[in-house]
Amino acid sequence: MENSDKSLDDAPDEVKLAVDLIMLLEQHNIDPQLALSALAIVKRDLEQRISEQA
């Protein structure tokens, strides 16, 4: 387990965030399909923010 923790420590920030999000969704027993639908909304929102900054 210690090697896994070390690997995550060295992982890129986006991987660390993805792991945190997965853990959060699992801890709250969020239905995977519901999570995907919500993430699609988040993705559109973030893409909109990025395009407004350009």
N, C-alpha and C. Protein backbone atom coordinates (compact mmCIF):
# COMPACT_ATOMS: atom_id res chain seq x y z
N MET A 1 0.83 -1.20 0.00
CA MET A 1 0.00 0.00 0.00
C MET A 1 0.87 1.25 0.00
N GLU A 2 1.98 1.19 0.67
CA GLU A 2 2.87 2.34 0.74
C GLU A 2 3.34 2.75 -0.65
N ASN A 3 3.63 1.78 -1.53
CA ASN A 3 4.05 2.09 -2.89
C ASN A 3 2.94 2.79 -3.66
N SER A 4 1.69 2.38 -3.42
CA SER A 4 0.56 3.02 -4.09
C SER A 4 0.43 4.47 -3.66
N ASP A 5 0.61 4.72 -2.37
CA ASP A 5 0.54 6.09 -1.87
C ASP A 5 1.65 6.93 -2.48
N LYS A 6 2.85 6.37 -2.57
CA LYS A 6 3.98 7.09 -3.15
C LYS A 6 3.71 7.40 -4.62
N SER A 7 3.15 6.42 -5.33
CA SER A 7 2.83 6.65 -6.74
C SER A 7 1.84 7.79 -6.89
N LEU A 8 0.87 7.85 -6.02
CA LEU A 8 -0.11 8.93 -6.09
C LEU A 8 0.53 10.26 -5.72
N ASP A 9 1.43 10.26 -4.78
CA ASP A 9 2.13 11.49 -4.43
C ASP A 9 2.88 12.06 -5.63
N ASP A 10 3.41 11.18 -6.46
CA ASP A 10 4.19 11.60 -7.62
C ASP A 10 3.33 11.79 -8.87
N ALA A 11 2.05 11.47 -8.77
CA ALA A 11 1.16 11.54 -9.93
C ALA A 11 0.88 13.00 -10.30
N PRO A 12 0.52 13.22 -11.56
CA PRO A 12 0.13 14.58 -11.98
C PRO A 12 -1.11 15.04 -11.19
N ASP A 13 -1.26 16.34 -11.08
CA ASP A 13 -2.38 16.91 -10.31
C ASP A 13 -3.74 16.43 -10.81
N GLU A 14 -3.90 16.27 -12.13
CA GLU A 14 -5.20 15.83 -12.64
C GLU A 14 -5.53 14.42 -12.20
N VAL A 15 -4.52 13.57 -12.03
CA VAL A 15 -4.75 12.20 -11.54
C VAL A 15 -5.14 12.25 -10.07
N LYS A 16 -4.46 13.07 -9.29
CA LYS A 16 -4.81 13.22 -7.88
C LYS A 16 -6.24 13.71 -7.72
N LEU A 17 -6.63 14.69 -8.53
CA LEU A 17 -7.99 15.21 -8.46
C LEU A 17 -9.00 14.14 -8.87
N ALA A 18 -8.69 13.39 -9.92
CA ALA A 18 -9.59 12.32 -10.36
C ALA A 18 -9.79 11.28 -9.25
N VAL A 19 -8.72 10.90 -8.60
CA VAL A 19 -8.82 9.93 -7.51
C VAL A 19 -9.67 10.49 -6.38
N ASP A 20 -9.45 11.75 -6.03
CA ASP A 20 -10.26 12.39 -4.98
C ASP A 20 -11.74 12.41 -5.35
N LEU A 21 -12.03 12.74 -6.60
CA LEU A 21 -13.43 12.79 -7.04
C LEU A 21 -14.08 11.41 -7.02
N ILE A 22 -13.35 10.40 -7.48
CA ILE A 22 -13.86 9.03 -7.45
C ILE A 22 -14.16 8.61 -6.02
N MET A 23 -13.23 8.88 -5.12
CA MET A 23 -13.45 8.52 -3.72
C MET A 23 -14.66 9.24 -3.14
N LEU A 24 -14.82 10.52 -3.46
CA LEU A 24 -15.96 11.28 -2.98
C LEU A 24 -17.28 10.69 -3.48
N LEU A 25 -17.32 10.38 -4.76
CA LEU A 25 -18.53 9.79 -5.33
C LEU A 25 -18.84 8.43 -4.70
N GLU A 26 -17.82 7.61 -4.50
CA GLU A 26 -18.02 6.29 -3.90
C GLU A 26 -18.46 6.41 -2.44
N GLN A 27 -17.85 7.32 -1.70
CA GLN A 27 -18.18 7.49 -0.28
C GLN A 27 -19.63 7.93 -0.09
N HIS A 28 -20.16 8.64 -1.08
CA HIS A 28 -21.54 9.13 -0.99
C HIS A 28 -22.51 8.26 -1.78
N ASN A 29 -22.02 7.10 -2.22
CA ASN A 29 -22.86 6.13 -2.94
C ASN A 29 -23.61 6.77 -4.11
N ILE A 30 -22.92 7.59 -4.88
CA ILE A 30 -23.52 8.24 -6.03
C ILE A 30 -23.59 7.24 -7.18
N ASP A 31 -24.75 7.12 -7.78
CA ASP A 31 -24.94 6.24 -8.92
C ASP A 31 -23.99 6.67 -10.05
N PRO A 32 -23.27 5.73 -10.64
CA PRO A 32 -22.31 6.09 -11.69
C PRO A 32 -22.93 6.86 -12.86
N GLN A 33 -24.13 6.49 -13.27
CA GLN A 33 -24.76 7.20 -14.39
C GLN A 33 -25.10 8.63 -14.00
N LEU A 34 -25.58 8.82 -12.78
CA LEU A 34 -25.86 10.16 -12.28
C LEU A 34 -24.57 10.99 -12.22
N ALA A 35 -23.50 10.36 -11.77
CA ALA A 35 -22.20 11.05 -11.70
C ALA A 35 -21.75 11.49 -13.09
N LEU A 36 -21.88 10.61 -14.06
CA LEU A 36 -21.48 10.96 -15.43
C LEU A 36 -22.31 12.11 -15.98
N SER A 37 -23.59 12.10 -15.70
CA SER A 37 -24.45 13.20 -16.16
C SER A 37 -24.05 14.52 -15.50
N ALA A 38 -23.77 14.47 -14.22
CA ALA A 38 -23.35 15.68 -13.51
C ALA A 38 -21.99 16.15 -14.01
N LEU A 39 -21.09 15.22 -14.26
CA LEU A 39 -19.77 15.59 -14.76
C LEU A 39 -19.84 16.21 -16.15
N ALA A 40 -20.79 15.79 -16.96
CA ALA A 40 -20.98 16.40 -18.28
C ALA A 40 -21.37 17.86 -18.13
N ILE A 41 -22.21 18.16 -17.14
CA ILE A 41 -22.61 19.54 -16.88
C ILE A 41 -21.40 20.34 -16.40
N VAL A 42 -20.64 19.76 -15.50
CA VAL A 42 -19.44 20.43 -14.99
C VAL A 42 -18.47 20.70 -16.13
N LYS A 43 -18.29 19.71 -17.01
CA LYS A 43 -17.37 19.86 -18.14
C LYS A 43 -17.79 21.03 -19.03
N ARG A 44 -19.08 21.11 -19.35
CA ARG A 44 -19.57 22.21 -20.19
C ARG A 44 -19.34 23.56 -19.51
N ASP A 45 -19.60 23.60 -18.21
CA ASP A 45 -19.41 24.84 -17.46
C ASP A 45 -17.95 25.27 -17.48
N LEU A 46 -17.05 24.35 -17.23
CA LEU A 46 -15.63 24.68 -17.21
C LEU A 46 -15.12 25.08 -18.60
N GLU A 47 -15.61 24.40 -19.62
CA GLU A 47 -15.22 24.76 -20.99
C GLU A 47 -15.69 26.17 -21.33
N GLN A 48 -16.88 26.52 -20.88
CA GLN A 48 -17.42 27.87 -21.09
C GLN A 48 -16.54 28.91 -20.40
N ARG A 49 -16.15 28.61 -19.17
CA ARG A 49 -15.28 29.53 -18.43
C ARG A 49 -13.96 29.72 -19.13
N ILE A 50 -13.39 28.64 -19.64
CA ILE A 50 -12.11 28.71 -20.34
C ILE A 50 -12.25 29.55 -21.61
N SER A 51 -13.33 29.34 -22.35
CA SER A 51 -13.51 30.10 -23.60
C SER A 51 -13.72 31.59 -23.33
N GLU A 52 -14.33 31.92 -22.20
CA GLU A 52 -14.54 33.32 -21.84
C GLU A 52 -13.23 34.00 -21.43
N GLN A 53 -12.27 33.22 -20.95
CA GLN A 53 -10.98 33.77 -20.53
C GLN A 53 -10.07 34.03 -21.72
N ALA A 54 -10.33 33.33 -22.83
CA ALA A 54 -9.45 33.45 -24.01
C ALA A 54 -9.68 34.75 -24.75
